[in-house]
Protein backbone atom coordinates (compact mmCIF):
# COMPACT_ATOMS: atom_id res chain seq x y z
CA MET A 1 -40.75 47.78 -9.01
CA GLY A 2 -43.89 48.04 -11.13
CA ALA A 3 -44.32 49.09 -14.74
CA GLN A 4 -41.87 51.74 -15.99
CA LEU A 5 -43.90 54.07 -18.20
CA ALA A 6 -42.31 57.13 -19.80
CA GLY A 7 -43.63 60.36 -18.31
CA ARG A 8 -45.34 58.75 -15.34
CA LEU A 9 -44.65 59.88 -11.78
CA TRP A 10 -44.50 56.81 -9.60
CA LEU A 11 -43.31 55.52 -6.24
CA ASN A 12 -40.29 53.28 -6.24
CA PRO A 13 -40.56 50.96 -3.23
CA ALA A 14 -36.89 50.00 -3.48
CA PHE A 15 -35.76 53.59 -2.81
CA ASN A 16 -38.89 54.72 -0.95
CA THR A 17 -38.93 57.97 -2.89
CA GLN A 18 -40.84 59.49 -5.75
CA ALA A 19 -39.51 58.88 -9.24
CA LEU A 20 -40.30 60.18 -12.70
CA MET A 21 -39.90 57.89 -15.70
CA ILE A 22 -38.78 59.71 -18.87
CA GLY A 23 -37.44 57.91 -21.91
CA GLY A 24 -36.80 54.73 -19.98
CA TYR A 25 -34.89 56.53 -17.22
CA GLN A 26 -36.04 56.39 -13.64
CA TRP A 27 -35.39 59.85 -12.17
CA THR A 28 -35.41 60.05 -8.39
CA GLY A 29 -34.92 63.11 -6.25
CA SER A 30 -33.32 63.45 -2.85
CA ASN A 31 -32.00 66.14 -0.54
CA SER A 32 -29.43 65.66 2.19
CA GLY A 33 -28.18 68.72 4.06
CA SER A 34 -26.76 71.14 1.48
CA VAL A 35 -26.79 68.52 -1.31
CA ALA A 36 -29.57 68.25 -3.87
CA SER A 37 -29.26 65.29 -6.21
CA ILE A 38 -31.05 63.58 -9.08
CA ASN A 39 -30.40 59.90 -9.66
CA ALA A 40 -31.29 58.18 -12.92
CA VAL A 41 -31.38 54.43 -13.44
CA TYR A 42 -31.78 52.96 -16.92
CA ASN A 43 -33.03 49.43 -17.43
CA THR A 44 -31.61 47.65 -20.47
CA SER A 45 -32.57 43.98 -20.81
CA GLY A 46 -32.90 43.69 -17.07
CA VAL A 47 -29.55 45.41 -16.38
CA MET A 48 -29.72 48.59 -14.30
CA HIS A 49 -27.27 51.37 -15.21
CA GLY A 50 -26.73 54.21 -12.76
CA LEU A 51 -26.32 57.93 -13.38
CA ASP A 52 -25.80 60.41 -10.56
CA ILE A 53 -26.29 64.16 -10.97
CA ALA A 54 -25.73 66.37 -7.93
CA ILE A 55 -25.83 70.10 -7.33
CA THR A 56 -23.96 70.58 -4.11
CA ASN A 57 -22.16 72.99 -1.85
CA ASP A 58 -18.51 72.04 -1.54
CA ALA A 59 -17.79 69.78 1.42
CA SER A 60 -15.07 72.14 2.60
CA GLY A 61 -17.78 74.59 3.56
CA ASN A 62 -16.51 77.45 1.39
CA GLY A 63 -19.93 77.80 -0.21
CA SER A 64 -18.84 77.12 -3.79
CA THR A 65 -21.40 75.50 -6.05
CA ALA A 66 -20.64 72.55 -8.32
CA LEU A 67 -22.44 70.38 -10.83
CA ARG A 68 -21.39 66.75 -10.71
CA VAL A 69 -22.38 64.11 -13.22
CA LYS A 70 -21.28 60.66 -12.14
CA GLY A 71 -21.51 57.27 -13.79
CA ALA A 72 -21.91 58.21 -17.46
CA PRO A 73 -20.31 60.34 -20.21
CA VAL A 74 -21.47 63.95 -20.42
CA PHE A 75 -22.83 65.14 -23.77
CA PHE A 76 -23.77 68.77 -24.41
CA ASP A 77 -25.54 68.96 -27.76
CA ALA A 78 -26.04 72.56 -28.79
CA SER A 79 -26.23 71.71 -32.48
CA ASN A 80 -29.53 69.76 -32.46
CA THR A 81 -28.03 67.36 -35.01
CA SER A 82 -27.59 63.61 -35.11
CA GLU A 83 -24.13 63.72 -33.54
CA GLU A 84 -23.35 61.25 -30.77
CA PRO A 85 -20.89 61.32 -27.81
CA ARG A 86 -17.31 60.81 -28.99
CA ALA A 87 -15.57 60.48 -25.61
CA THR A 88 -15.91 58.63 -22.33
CA GLY A 89 -15.81 61.92 -20.45
CA LEU A 90 -17.14 65.07 -22.14
CA THR A 91 -18.42 65.72 -25.65
CA VAL A 92 -19.67 69.12 -26.81
CA THR A 93 -21.25 69.67 -30.21
CA VAL A 94 -22.15 73.02 -31.72
CA GLN A 95 -23.20 74.26 -35.13
CA PRO A 96 -21.37 77.57 -35.78
CA SER A 97 -23.25 80.25 -37.67
CA ALA A 98 -20.51 80.50 -40.31
CA ASN A 99 -16.99 79.38 -41.12
CA PHE A 100 -14.06 80.93 -39.26
CA SER A 101 -11.61 83.14 -41.16
CA PRO A 102 -8.04 82.91 -39.78
CA GLY A 103 -6.75 86.26 -38.57
CA SER A 104 -10.19 87.58 -37.67
CA ASP A 105 -12.22 87.63 -34.46
CA PRO A 106 -14.62 84.66 -34.76
CA GLY A 107 -17.15 86.15 -32.34
CA ASP A 108 -19.16 84.21 -29.78
CA ALA A 109 -21.42 82.67 -32.43
CA LYS A 110 -18.49 80.64 -33.75
CA ARG A 111 -16.80 79.73 -30.46
CA MET A 112 -17.28 76.19 -29.16
CA PHE A 113 -15.97 76.70 -25.64
CA SER A 114 -14.96 79.73 -23.59
CA LEU A 115 -12.79 79.60 -20.48
CA ILE A 116 -13.06 82.99 -18.77
CA ALA A 117 -11.10 84.18 -15.74
CA ALA A 118 -12.84 87.23 -14.28
CA GLY A 119 -10.55 89.89 -12.91
CA VAL A 120 -10.53 91.05 -9.30
CA ALA A 121 -10.96 94.76 -8.53
CA GLY A 122 -9.83 95.65 -12.03
CA THR A 123 -6.78 93.39 -11.94
CA PRO A 124 -6.77 90.71 -14.65
CA ARG A 125 -6.29 87.07 -13.70
CA ALA A 126 -4.82 84.19 -15.72
CA ALA A 127 -7.12 81.61 -17.31
CA ILE A 128 -5.71 78.14 -16.56
CA LEU A 129 -6.76 74.76 -17.93
CA CYS A 130 -5.18 71.73 -16.20
CA MET A 131 -4.61 68.19 -17.47
CA ARG A 132 -3.69 65.83 -14.65
CA ASN A 133 -2.99 62.15 -14.04
CA PRO A 134 -4.26 61.41 -10.50
CA GLN A 135 -2.08 58.29 -10.27
CA THR A 136 1.07 60.43 -10.41
CA SER A 137 2.11 63.88 -9.31
CA LYS A 138 2.44 64.98 -12.94
CA PHE A 139 0.20 67.60 -14.49
CA ILE A 140 0.44 70.32 -17.12
CA ASP A 141 -1.32 73.67 -17.18
CA LEU A 142 -2.38 75.56 -20.28
CA VAL A 143 -2.18 79.20 -19.24
CA LEU A 144 -3.29 82.51 -20.74
CA ASP A 145 -1.52 85.10 -18.59
CA PRO A 146 -2.74 88.67 -19.15
CA ASN A 147 -0.30 90.15 -16.63
CA TYR A 148 2.86 89.80 -18.69
CA SER A 149 4.59 93.15 -19.32
CA SER A 150 2.00 95.04 -17.26
CA GLY A 151 -0.82 93.80 -19.46
CA SER A 152 0.53 95.18 -22.74
CA ASP A 153 1.00 91.60 -23.94
CA SER A 154 -0.56 88.29 -22.96
CA LYS A 155 1.45 85.09 -22.79
CA PHE A 156 -0.11 81.77 -23.75
CA PHE A 157 1.99 78.83 -22.60
CA TRP A 158 2.26 75.24 -21.36
CA GLN A 159 3.70 74.77 -17.87
CA TRP A 160 4.62 71.49 -16.21
CA ASN A 161 4.01 70.79 -12.52
CA ASP A 162 7.66 71.61 -11.76
CA GLY A 163 7.32 75.05 -13.36
CA ALA A 164 9.14 74.15 -16.59
CA ILE A 165 7.72 75.96 -19.64
CA PRO A 166 8.42 74.04 -22.87
CA PHE A 167 6.50 76.34 -25.23
CA MET A 168 4.85 79.75 -25.18
CA LEU A 169 3.18 82.19 -27.54
CA TRP A 170 2.73 85.92 -27.20
CA GLY A 171 2.18 88.66 -29.72
CA ASN A 172 3.09 87.11 -33.05
CA GLY A 173 6.12 85.27 -31.67
CA ALA A 174 6.93 81.97 -30.00
CA GLY A 175 9.30 81.04 -27.21
CA ILE A 176 10.80 77.56 -26.82
CA GLY A 177 12.51 75.94 -23.87
CA GLY A 178 11.62 78.30 -21.04
CA ASN A 179 10.11 81.59 -19.98
CA VAL A 180 11.62 83.60 -22.81
CA ALA A 181 11.58 87.14 -21.45
CA THR A 182 12.05 89.23 -24.58
CA LEU A 183 10.40 89.19 -27.97
CA THR A 184 13.09 90.01 -30.53
CA SER A 185 12.10 87.59 -33.30
CA HIS A 186 9.22 85.39 -34.40
CA CYS A 187 10.89 82.50 -32.56
CA SER A 188 13.12 82.85 -29.49
CA ILE A 189 14.92 79.91 -27.87
CA ALA A 190 15.85 79.93 -24.22
CA ALA A 191 19.49 79.61 -23.15
CA GLY A 192 20.96 76.13 -23.14
CA THR A 193 22.43 74.35 -20.15
CA SER A 194 25.25 71.90 -19.49
CA ALA A 195 22.69 69.11 -20.03
CA LYS A 196 20.85 70.50 -23.08
CA SER A 197 21.81 72.46 -26.18
CA GLN A 198 19.51 75.13 -27.55
CA LEU A 199 18.84 73.30 -30.80
CA ASN A 200 19.50 69.84 -32.22
CA LEU A 201 18.88 68.78 -35.82
CA ALA A 202 18.41 65.06 -36.43
CA SER A 203 20.24 63.54 -39.38
CA SER A 204 18.07 63.97 -42.46
CA THR A 205 17.93 63.56 -46.21
CA ALA A 206 18.59 66.64 -48.31
CA PRO A 207 15.43 68.13 -49.81
CA THR A 208 15.00 67.45 -53.53
CA SER A 209 14.21 71.07 -54.28
CA PRO A 210 15.64 73.21 -51.48
CA VAL A 211 14.63 76.85 -51.27
CA ASN A 212 16.62 79.78 -49.99
CA GLY A 213 16.74 79.77 -46.20
CA ASP A 214 16.59 75.96 -45.80
CA ILE A 215 18.94 74.47 -43.21
CA TRP A 216 19.48 70.74 -42.65
CA PHE A 217 21.98 68.29 -41.22
CA ASP A 218 22.86 65.34 -43.45
CA GLY A 219 24.54 63.33 -40.71
CA SER A 220 27.98 64.69 -41.45
CA ASP A 221 27.64 68.35 -42.36
CA LEU A 222 25.32 71.26 -41.76
CA LYS A 223 23.86 72.57 -45.03
CA LEU A 224 22.48 75.99 -45.87
CA ARG A 225 20.60 77.08 -48.98
CA ALA A 226 21.20 80.71 -49.97
CA GLY A 227 21.11 82.58 -53.28
CA GLY A 228 20.12 79.42 -55.13
CA THR A 229 23.23 77.56 -53.95
CA THR A 230 23.60 74.90 -51.24
CA TYR A 231 26.52 75.59 -48.94
CA THR A 232 28.26 73.41 -46.38
CA VAL A 233 28.89 75.18 -43.09
CA THR A 234 32.62 74.95 -42.47
CA LYS A 235 33.59 72.98 -39.41
CA THR A 236 36.27 74.57 -37.25
């Protein structure tokens, strides 16, 4: 294959294409139809490692554009520090301009990642992040829905592939166990069913120093702390 010198443009007889050697990587270019690709091969102790980067129109013909990186972890380093990849898939490092103060808008200078769903003709659209196991039909979506209550509130929730919603946030409240439709408290629990109760407390040890408002189940009785006194909820 000839000498591999960093920064030298050379002809690779094995691929019959031009290649550029940078930092020990052999970069080759190709074009096939609507697909433009860059292939990198790294030689370590005689072992060739492949990396495939392609900018391509979707095969379905809908004209969408995609960036594909195949054969190696992806590492976006926007911090210019000595950090290294910390995942087999995607690692992103940034160096925010300042610390974040809870309860305040961090601003773009402090955000690490933004997922933006552009609206259509003035109508907002939900931003959805999916986690999926391709070996099963199971997946879960993380959804920010701006259309709840005609846009006056936005719901942020987890939704399983069957439509079940185990947890949601909106305003300064939380909903548990379903699509809780009204916000009447900081925490609202969906109605129970014949298979599930609304709330179950595991048997626990009484706190050493309970404070007013504490509730716990000691395995036999339900306890409540109020006015500096621990009460047992009467069973009827």
